[in-house]
Protein backbone atom coordinates (compact mmCIF):
# COMPACT_ATOMS: atom_id res chain seq x y z
CA MET A 1 -0.13 -0.39 0.15
CA ASN A 2 1.60 3.44 -1.38
CA ILE A 3 0.46 5.95 1.16
CA VAL A 4 1.16 10.16 0.36
CA LEU A 5 1.64 12.02 4.43
CA LEU A 6 0.22 15.50 4.11
CA GLY A 7 0.99 16.93 7.56
CA ALA A 8 3.56 14.87 8.37
CA THR A 9 5.72 16.79 10.86
CA GLY A 10 2.75 17.13 12.96
CA SER A 11 1.30 15.24 16.06
CA ILE A 12 -0.63 12.91 13.39
CA GLY A 13 2.32 13.01 11.41
CA GLU A 14 4.03 11.34 14.20
CA SER A 15 2.14 8.67 15.04
CA THR A 16 1.30 7.50 10.84
CA LEU A 17 5.15 7.35 11.00
CA LYS A 18 5.19 4.76 13.84
CA VAL A 19 2.35 2.85 12.22
CA ILE A 20 4.31 2.74 9.10
CA ARG A 21 7.72 1.91 10.86
CA LYS A 22 5.54 -0.77 12.49
CA HIS A 23 4.22 -2.67 9.30
CA ARG A 24 7.30 -1.71 6.59
CA ASP A 25 6.20 -4.95 4.75
CA ARG A 26 2.66 -3.79 4.01
CA LEU A 27 3.03 0.38 3.77
CA ASN A 28 5.50 2.60 1.65
CA LEU A 29 5.45 6.09 2.19
CA VAL A 30 5.78 7.80 -1.26
CA GLY A 31 4.77 11.57 -0.66
CA ILE A 32 5.13 13.54 2.50
CA ALA A 33 4.20 17.39 3.54
CA ALA A 34 4.77 20.02 5.99
CA ASN A 35 5.02 23.69 6.16
CA GLN A 36 8.46 24.65 6.83
CA ASN A 37 10.63 22.08 8.51
CA ILE A 38 12.81 20.85 6.21
CA GLU A 39 15.49 19.02 8.54
CA LYS A 40 12.38 17.10 10.07
CA LEU A 41 11.18 16.06 6.30
CA ALA A 42 14.44 15.18 5.13
CA GLN A 43 15.13 13.16 7.99
CA ILE A 44 11.74 11.26 7.17
CA ALA A 45 12.64 11.32 3.47
CA TYR A 46 15.84 9.62 4.12
CA GLU A 47 14.61 6.93 6.61
CA PHE A 48 11.46 5.86 4.62
CA GLY A 49 13.37 6.40 0.72
CA VAL A 50 10.67 9.42 0.07
CA PRO A 51 10.62 10.52 -3.74
CA HIS A 52 8.51 13.01 -3.37
CA VAL A 53 8.54 15.89 -0.74
CA GLY A 54 6.40 18.75 -0.61
CA ILE A 55 7.03 22.19 0.79
CA PHE A 56 3.81 24.67 1.46
CA ASP A 57 6.16 27.57 2.31
CA GLU A 58 7.97 29.51 -0.51
CA THR A 59 11.08 30.35 1.48
CA ALA A 60 11.57 27.26 3.01
CA TYR A 61 10.97 25.79 -0.48
CA ALA A 62 13.67 28.09 -1.88
CA ALA A 63 16.18 27.09 1.11
CA ALA A 64 15.95 23.12 0.70
CA LYS A 65 16.03 23.37 -3.03
CA ALA A 66 19.53 26.00 -2.75
CA GLY A 67 20.51 23.18 -0.15
CA THR A 68 21.64 19.35 0.49
CA ALA A 69 19.46 18.57 3.20
CA PHE A 70 17.43 15.71 0.82
CA PRO A 71 18.71 12.83 -0.81
CA ILE A 72 19.97 13.92 -4.41
CA THR A 73 16.49 11.80 -5.65
CA THR A 74 13.87 13.92 -4.29
CA GLN A 75 11.21 15.65 -5.83
CA LEU A 76 10.43 18.92 -4.09
CA HIS A 77 6.61 20.22 -4.62
CA CYS A 78 6.43 24.18 -3.57
CA GLY A 79 3.19 25.75 -1.99
CA LEU A 80 -0.66 24.49 -2.18
CA GLU A 81 0.02 23.30 -5.84
CA GLY A 82 2.84 20.83 -4.44
CA LEU A 83 0.54 19.51 -1.83
CA GLU A 84 -2.41 19.02 -5.11
CA GLN A 85 0.41 17.31 -6.92
CA LEU A 86 1.41 15.28 -4.29
CA ALA A 87 -2.28 14.12 -2.71
CA ALA A 88 -2.91 12.67 -6.46
CA LEU A 89 0.23 10.86 -7.17
CA PRO A 90 -0.32 8.49 -9.63
CA GLU A 91 1.16 5.72 -7.72
CA ALA A 92 -0.50 6.66 -4.10
CA ASP A 93 -3.31 4.50 -2.67
CA THR A 94 -4.17 6.10 0.09
CA THR A 95 -3.89 9.49 0.96
CA LEU A 96 -4.01 11.03 4.58
CA VAL A 97 -4.55 14.47 4.75
CA ALA A 98 -3.55 15.77 8.53
CA VAL A 99 -3.11 19.81 7.43
CA VAL A 100 -3.90 21.86 9.60
CA GLY A 101 -6.67 25.02 8.93
CA THR A 102 -8.25 25.17 5.46
CA HIS A 103 -5.09 24.22 3.45
CA GLY A 104 -6.05 20.98 2.91
CA LEU A 105 -9.22 21.08 1.37
CA LEU A 106 -8.12 21.59 -2.26
CA PRO A 107 -5.19 18.59 -1.73
CA ALA A 108 -7.66 16.16 -0.23
CA LEU A 109 -10.57 17.11 -3.41
CA ARG A 110 -7.70 16.24 -5.84
CA ALA A 111 -7.03 13.37 -4.07
CA ILE A 112 -11.01 11.92 -4.41
CA GLU A 113 -10.50 13.23 -8.27
CA ALA A 114 -7.89 10.71 -8.66
CA GLY A 115 -9.71 7.95 -6.99
CA LYS A 116 -7.27 7.55 -3.76
CA THR A 117 -8.39 6.80 -0.41
CA LEU A 118 -8.67 10.05 1.32
CA ALA A 119 -7.90 9.37 4.87
CA ILE A 120 -8.84 12.41 6.68
CA ALA A 121 -7.33 13.82 9.75
CA SER A 122 -8.03 17.48 9.47
CA LYS A 123 -11.81 18.30 10.77
CA GLU A 124 -11.58 21.82 8.70
CA ILE A 125 -12.43 19.86 5.32
CA LEU A 126 -15.61 18.38 6.09
CA VAL A 127 -16.88 20.99 7.96
CA LEU A 128 -15.83 24.02 5.75
CA ALA A 129 -16.78 21.53 2.55
CA GLY A 130 -18.87 18.32 3.60
CA LYS A 131 -21.57 18.75 0.55
CA PHE A 132 -18.53 18.97 -2.16
CA ILE A 133 -16.28 16.48 -0.88
CA MET A 134 -18.98 13.81 0.10
CA GLU A 135 -20.61 14.33 -3.57
CA ALA A 136 -16.81 14.08 -5.46
CA ALA A 137 -16.57 10.76 -3.38
CA ARG A 138 -19.68 9.83 -4.80
CA GLU A 139 -18.90 10.78 -8.29
CA SER A 140 -15.41 9.15 -8.21
CA GLY A 141 -15.93 5.85 -5.77
CA SER A 142 -12.93 7.58 -3.77
CA LEU A 143 -13.04 5.65 -0.66
CA ILE A 144 -13.21 8.46 3.16
CA LEU A 145 -12.00 6.53 5.76
CA PRO A 146 -11.85 9.06 9.29
CA VAL A 147 -8.45 9.13 11.49
CA ASP A 148 -10.13 10.96 13.86
CA SER A 149 -9.93 8.54 16.53
CA GLU A 150 -13.89 9.57 17.59
CA HIS A 151 -15.12 9.13 13.78
CA ASN A 152 -13.01 6.04 13.24
CA ALA A 153 -14.85 4.77 16.03
CA ILE A 154 -18.32 5.25 14.53
CA PHE A 155 -17.07 3.53 11.43
CA GLN A 156 -15.58 0.56 12.73
CA CYS A 157 -19.25 0.04 14.56
CA LEU A 158 -20.73 0.76 11.65
CA ASP A 159 -18.90 -1.42 9.22
CA PRO A 160 -20.47 -3.58 6.99
CA ASN A 161 -17.78 -5.81 6.69
CA PRO A 162 -15.46 -6.47 9.88
CA THR A 163 -14.11 -9.44 9.16
CA GLY A 164 -11.73 -8.01 6.50
CA LYS A 165 -12.88 -9.68 3.45
CA GLN A 166 -13.54 -7.66 0.46
CA ALA A 167 -17.03 -8.50 -0.80
CA PRO A 168 -17.44 -9.33 -4.38
CA ASN A 169 -17.64 -6.30 -6.72
CA THR A 170 -17.44 -4.04 -3.86
CA LYS A 171 -14.69 -1.57 -4.27
CA HIS A 172 -15.71 0.76 -1.26
CA PRO A 173 -17.80 -0.96 1.09
CA THR A 174 -20.16 2.06 2.62
CA PRO A 175 -20.24 2.07 6.50
CA ASN A 176 -24.03 0.97 7.49
CA LYS A 177 -26.04 3.10 9.07
CA ARG A 178 -29.64 1.16 8.71
CA HIS A 179 -31.83 1.44 12.01
CA VAL A 180 -29.02 3.61 13.71
CA ASP A 181 -30.64 6.19 16.40
CA LYS A 182 -27.66 8.18 17.04
CA LEU A 183 -24.17 8.24 16.84
CA ILE A 184 -22.82 9.41 20.66
CA LEU A 185 -19.23 11.17 20.56
CA THR A 186 -16.96 10.61 23.50
CA ALA A 187 -14.96 13.78 24.96
CA SER A 188 -12.27 14.21 27.53
CA GLY A 189 -13.34 17.34 28.70
CA GLY A 190 -9.51 19.05 28.41
CA SER A 191 -7.45 20.84 30.64
CA PHE A 192 -10.11 22.26 32.74
CA ARG A 193 -12.68 19.70 33.20
CA ASP A 194 -12.69 19.67 37.13
CA LEU A 195 -11.39 23.43 37.42
CA PRO A 196 -14.30 25.68 39.44
CA LEU A 197 -16.23 27.88 36.55
CA GLU A 198 -15.51 30.98 38.46
CA GLN A 199 -11.69 30.07 37.99
CA LEU A 200 -12.14 29.58 33.97
CA ALA A 201 -11.55 33.43 33.44
CA ASN A 202 -8.02 33.36 35.21
CA VAL A 203 -6.62 30.72 33.06
CA THR A 204 -3.23 31.00 31.36
CA LEU A 205 -2.23 29.31 28.61
CA GLU A 206 0.20 26.89 29.88
CA GLN A 207 -2.76 25.26 31.72
CA ALA A 208 -4.66 25.09 28.69
CA LEU A 209 -1.73 23.10 26.82
CA GLN A 210 -2.07 20.51 30.08
CA HIS A 211 -4.02 17.71 28.25
CA PRO A 212 -5.11 15.15 30.97
CA ASN A 213 -4.86 12.04 28.43
CA TRP A 214 -3.81 13.10 25.10
CA ASP A 215 -0.27 14.28 23.23
CA MET A 216 -1.72 16.73 20.53
CA GLY A 217 -0.60 19.96 19.21
CA PRO A 218 -1.29 23.34 20.64
CA LYS A 219 -4.66 24.52 18.93
CA VAL A 220 -5.99 20.44 18.97
CA THR A 221 -5.44 20.67 23.18
CA ILE A 222 -6.91 24.25 23.48
CA ASP A 223 -10.18 23.64 21.06
CA ALA A 224 -10.17 20.33 23.88
CA ALA A 225 -10.09 22.55 26.72
CA THR A 226 -13.13 24.79 24.78
CA MET A 227 -14.87 21.32 23.42
CA ALA A 228 -14.59 23.57 20.08
CA ASN A 229 -13.27 19.78 18.83
CA LYS A 230 -15.77 17.92 19.31
CA GLY A 231 -18.50 20.51 18.01
CA LEU A 232 -16.27 20.57 14.79
CA GLU A 233 -16.58 16.44 14.91
CA MET A 234 -20.55 16.76 15.50
CA ILE A 235 -20.56 18.63 12.36
CA GLU A 236 -18.08 16.13 10.89
CA ALA A 237 -19.77 13.45 11.93
CA ARG A 238 -23.14 14.29 10.20
CA TRP A 239 -20.94 14.61 6.96
CA LEU A 240 -19.41 11.56 7.16
CA PHE A 241 -22.21 9.09 7.96
CA GLY A 242 -24.90 11.12 6.40
CA MET A 243 -27.45 12.21 9.90
CA GLN A 244 -29.26 14.88 10.87
CA ALA A 245 -28.02 17.35 13.45
CA ASP A 246 -30.38 15.77 16.39
CA GLN A 247 -28.73 12.08 15.36
CA VAL A 248 -25.28 12.96 16.80
CA GLN A 249 -24.40 13.74 20.55
CA ALA A 250 -21.13 14.30 22.75
CA VAL A 251 -20.80 13.02 26.37
CA ILE A 252 -17.79 13.25 28.39
CA HIS A 253 -15.81 10.45 28.77
CA PRO A 254 -12.65 11.46 31.14
CA GLN A 255 -10.77 8.09 30.95
CA SER A 256 -10.83 8.11 27.15
CA ILE A 257 -10.91 4.74 26.30
CA VAL A 258 -14.26 4.39 24.63
CA HIS A 259 -13.87 6.45 21.39
CA SER A 260 -17.35 6.45 20.28
CA MET A 261 -20.61 4.87 20.59
CA VAL A 262 -23.32 3.71 17.56
CA GLN A 263 -26.78 3.69 19.41
CA TYR A 264 -29.54 1.71 17.79
CA VAL A 265 -32.89 2.09 17.52
CA ASP A 266 -33.49 -0.79 19.50
CA GLY A 267 -31.41 0.40 22.44
CA SER A 268 -28.46 -1.38 21.73
CA VAL A 269 -25.00 0.39 21.53
CA LEU A 270 -21.94 -1.01 19.94
CA ALA A 271 -18.53 1.25 21.06
CA GLN A 272 -15.45 0.96 20.11
CA LEU A 273 -12.30 1.27 22.79
CA CYS A 274 -8.55 1.27 22.68
CA PRO A 275 -6.22 3.48 24.20
CA PRO A 276 -5.91 6.84 24.08
CA ASP A 277 -3.36 6.71 21.31
CA MET A 278 -3.78 7.79 17.94
CA THR A 279 -2.25 5.06 15.94
CA PHE A 280 -4.88 2.67 16.96
CA ALA A 281 -6.95 4.80 14.52
CA ILE A 282 -4.46 5.53 11.54
CA GLN A 283 -3.75 2.02 11.62
CA HIS A 284 -7.27 0.59 10.77
CA CYS A 285 -7.54 3.21 8.12
CA LEU A 286 -4.22 2.43 6.54
CA LEU A 287 -4.80 -1.38 6.64
CA TYR A 288 -8.25 -1.23 5.87
CA PRO A 289 -10.11 -3.50 5.19
CA ASN A 290 -7.62 -6.00 6.86
CA ARG A 291 -5.85 -5.26 10.69
CA GLY A 292 -2.20 -5.87 12.22
CA GLU A 293 -0.16 -6.09 15.24
CA SER A 294 -0.82 -2.96 17.46
CA VAL A 295 2.33 0.06 17.55
CA VAL A 296 1.26 0.03 21.40
CA ALA A 297 -0.25 -2.63 23.96
CA PRO A 298 -3.89 -3.14 23.86
CA LEU A 299 -5.99 -2.72 26.64
CA ASP A 300 -5.78 -5.21 29.27
CA PHE A 301 -8.60 -6.13 30.83
CA SER A 302 -7.47 -8.16 33.47
CA GLN A 303 -6.68 -4.90 35.20
CA ALA A 304 -9.42 -2.99 36.58
CA MET A 305 -10.82 0.13 35.12
CA LYS A 306 -13.47 2.87 35.28
CA LEU A 307 -15.51 4.05 32.43
CA ASP A 308 -17.65 7.04 33.85
CA PHE A 309 -19.66 8.87 31.53
CA HIS A 310 -21.70 12.66 31.88
CA ALA A 311 -23.24 15.04 29.51
CA PRO A 312 -21.71 18.23 29.09
CA ASP A 313 -22.26 21.50 30.80
CA LEU A 314 -22.82 24.18 28.50
CA GLN A 315 -21.88 26.85 31.08
CA ARG A 316 -18.50 25.12 31.04
CA TYR A 317 -18.27 24.38 27.30
CA PRO A 318 -20.69 27.24 25.56
CA CYS A 319 -18.31 26.12 22.16
CA LEU A 320 -19.94 23.07 22.05
CA GLY A 321 -23.68 24.66 22.53
CA LEU A 322 -22.05 27.51 19.72
CA ALA A 323 -21.16 24.81 17.59
CA ARG A 324 -24.37 22.76 17.76
CA LEU A 325 -26.38 25.72 16.64
CA ALA A 326 -24.62 26.21 13.31
CA MET A 327 -24.49 22.00 12.96
CA GLU A 328 -28.34 22.61 13.14
CA ALA A 329 -28.31 26.08 10.90
CA CYS A 330 -25.50 24.04 8.22
CA GLY A 331 -25.09 26.39 5.63
CA ILE A 332 -21.73 28.90 5.95
CA ALA A 333 -22.18 28.49 9.56
CA ASN A 334 -20.39 25.66 9.65
CA GLY A 335 -17.22 27.15 8.06
CA ILE A 336 -17.95 30.70 9.97
CA PHE A 337 -17.98 28.55 13.26
CA ASN A 338 -14.50 26.93 12.19
CA ALA A 339 -13.10 30.26 11.22
CA ALA A 340 -13.99 32.49 14.48
CA ASN A 341 -12.68 29.05 16.27
CA GLU A 342 -9.63 29.54 14.94
CA VAL A 343 -8.70 33.24 14.75
CA ALA A 344 -10.10 33.30 18.77
CA VAL A 345 -7.73 30.38 19.58
CA ASP A 346 -4.56 32.26 18.00
CA ALA A 347 -5.51 34.95 19.83
CA PHE A 348 -5.71 33.11 22.63
CA VAL A 349 -2.56 31.76 22.37
CA SER A 350 -0.79 35.67 21.80
CA GLY A 351 -2.12 36.26 24.66
CA LYS A 352 -4.94 38.99 23.09
CA ILE A 353 -8.28 37.35 24.79
CA ARG A 354 -9.04 35.40 27.48
CA PHE A 355 -9.43 31.45 27.61
CA VAL A 356 -13.51 32.59 28.36
CA GLU A 357 -13.38 35.31 25.60
CA ILE A 358 -12.70 32.24 22.49
CA SER A 359 -16.86 31.81 22.79
CA THR A 360 -16.99 35.11 22.84
CA ILE A 361 -15.58 35.94 19.66
CA ILE A 362 -16.90 32.97 18.09
CA GLU A 363 -20.65 33.90 18.96
CA LYS A 364 -20.24 37.53 17.94
CA THR A 365 -18.79 36.25 14.65
CA LEU A 366 -22.03 34.47 14.07
CA ASN A 367 -24.31 36.76 14.58
CA SER A 368 -22.35 39.27 12.00
CA ILE A 369 -23.11 36.96 8.74
CA ASP A 370 -26.03 36.05 7.21
CA ASN A 371 -25.76 32.30 6.87
CA THR A 372 -26.44 30.96 3.10
CA GLU A 373 -26.52 27.76 1.47
CA PRO A 374 -22.85 27.83 -1.10
CA SER A 375 -23.13 26.81 -4.28
CA SER A 376 -19.53 26.42 -4.98
CA LEU A 377 -16.33 26.00 -2.98
CA GLU A 378 -15.13 29.52 -3.87
CA GLU A 379 -17.70 30.84 -2.16
CA VAL A 380 -17.36 28.72 0.74
CA LEU A 381 -13.69 29.96 0.86
CA HIS A 382 -14.54 33.51 0.33
CA TYR A 383 -16.84 33.41 3.59
CA ASP A 384 -14.25 32.15 5.09
CA GLN A 385 -12.30 34.87 4.98
CA MET A 386 -15.23 36.74 6.08
CA ALA A 387 -15.58 35.60 8.59
CA ARG A 388 -11.87 35.49 9.65
CA ARG A 389 -12.01 39.29 9.26
CA HIS A 390 -14.77 39.78 11.32
CA ALA A 391 -13.27 37.28 14.88
CA ALA A 392 -10.16 39.48 13.64
CA ASP A 393 -12.21 43.17 14.39
CA PHE A 394 -13.84 41.12 17.28
CA VAL A 395 -10.48 40.12 18.90
CA GLN A 396 -9.18 43.95 18.55
CA LYS A 397 -12.49 45.56 20.25
CA THR A 398 -11.81 42.69 22.96
CA SER A 399 -8.29 43.46 23.91
CA THR A 400 -8.56 46.90 23.86
């Protein structure tokens, strides 16, 4: 299986490399990309013999072209166009997109148009353009496999082909949603799950980055603390699995062992369990429909464990409530929520606003733009930029 990995130097990229190292006899890395970390990309290129490397930042690309960091046989690709070229490499079977922000959208579309299996780790792709992505996949016959542990768990619970045996004349099996009542996404609750509400106004960036269970990048860790990430995942799940807004729910599960659940109309619930490590979901995608030995030790049920669940408090997590409103409204509201959240999180990281003001920026931005149904990808990107400008204005007024 030939793999292209966009976002090779981030946390998802590092976990993906662990999976490929474990299964070098079954997985072959043919393309990698990152923003500007030339040194790390070169190390990966040497270790895995990668023939194609994409560098998004033009200055970093120029430095790489002028230097000698990469093997002489490596072909370098530049910018967004380079990512699109990598995503649709003729020799690739699966393209894994783990690019932060909206830059993964067009490469994901190119992979789908080329008929590749798309392993999707970037929430923004479906949140912004779920309608267009899913339509393109139906037209090309491309299989979309979710890398997020929550969506991957749901996919496994819905999988019509859990044996790994390929059904006759079925290239890409569709998850079986027949008789599904609801999808239940689990959430750790983030860094401030147990903090008294009155103390949230004074939390620091350092505290926000101390996730109790997962080792993730700063943006995702802060999103976990506000539960904006769970809101984005609810929107994403709706597109991935073709559900109505009221069929997608989120619950707090502090242990992060149950990654999500599917409840059927007869009350039965199927859940997927594994340790809180991204290699499980990534490996499922890269080896699908087959399976292999895990990278890290699996759960040991001979040892006592505790599994707790409770509903999230929207006073503590107002971003989750705003995400649900956006999901119910659909249209461009989903993208506005995402764009405003990115701007607000960046403002918190840079010390311009307080943690509790992240949700305020999102709410003001959502209220400032009339919702509409986009007719093209260009329109989606237009409203994304508009939302970012509005959110930046609200940040400036708030910080002042």
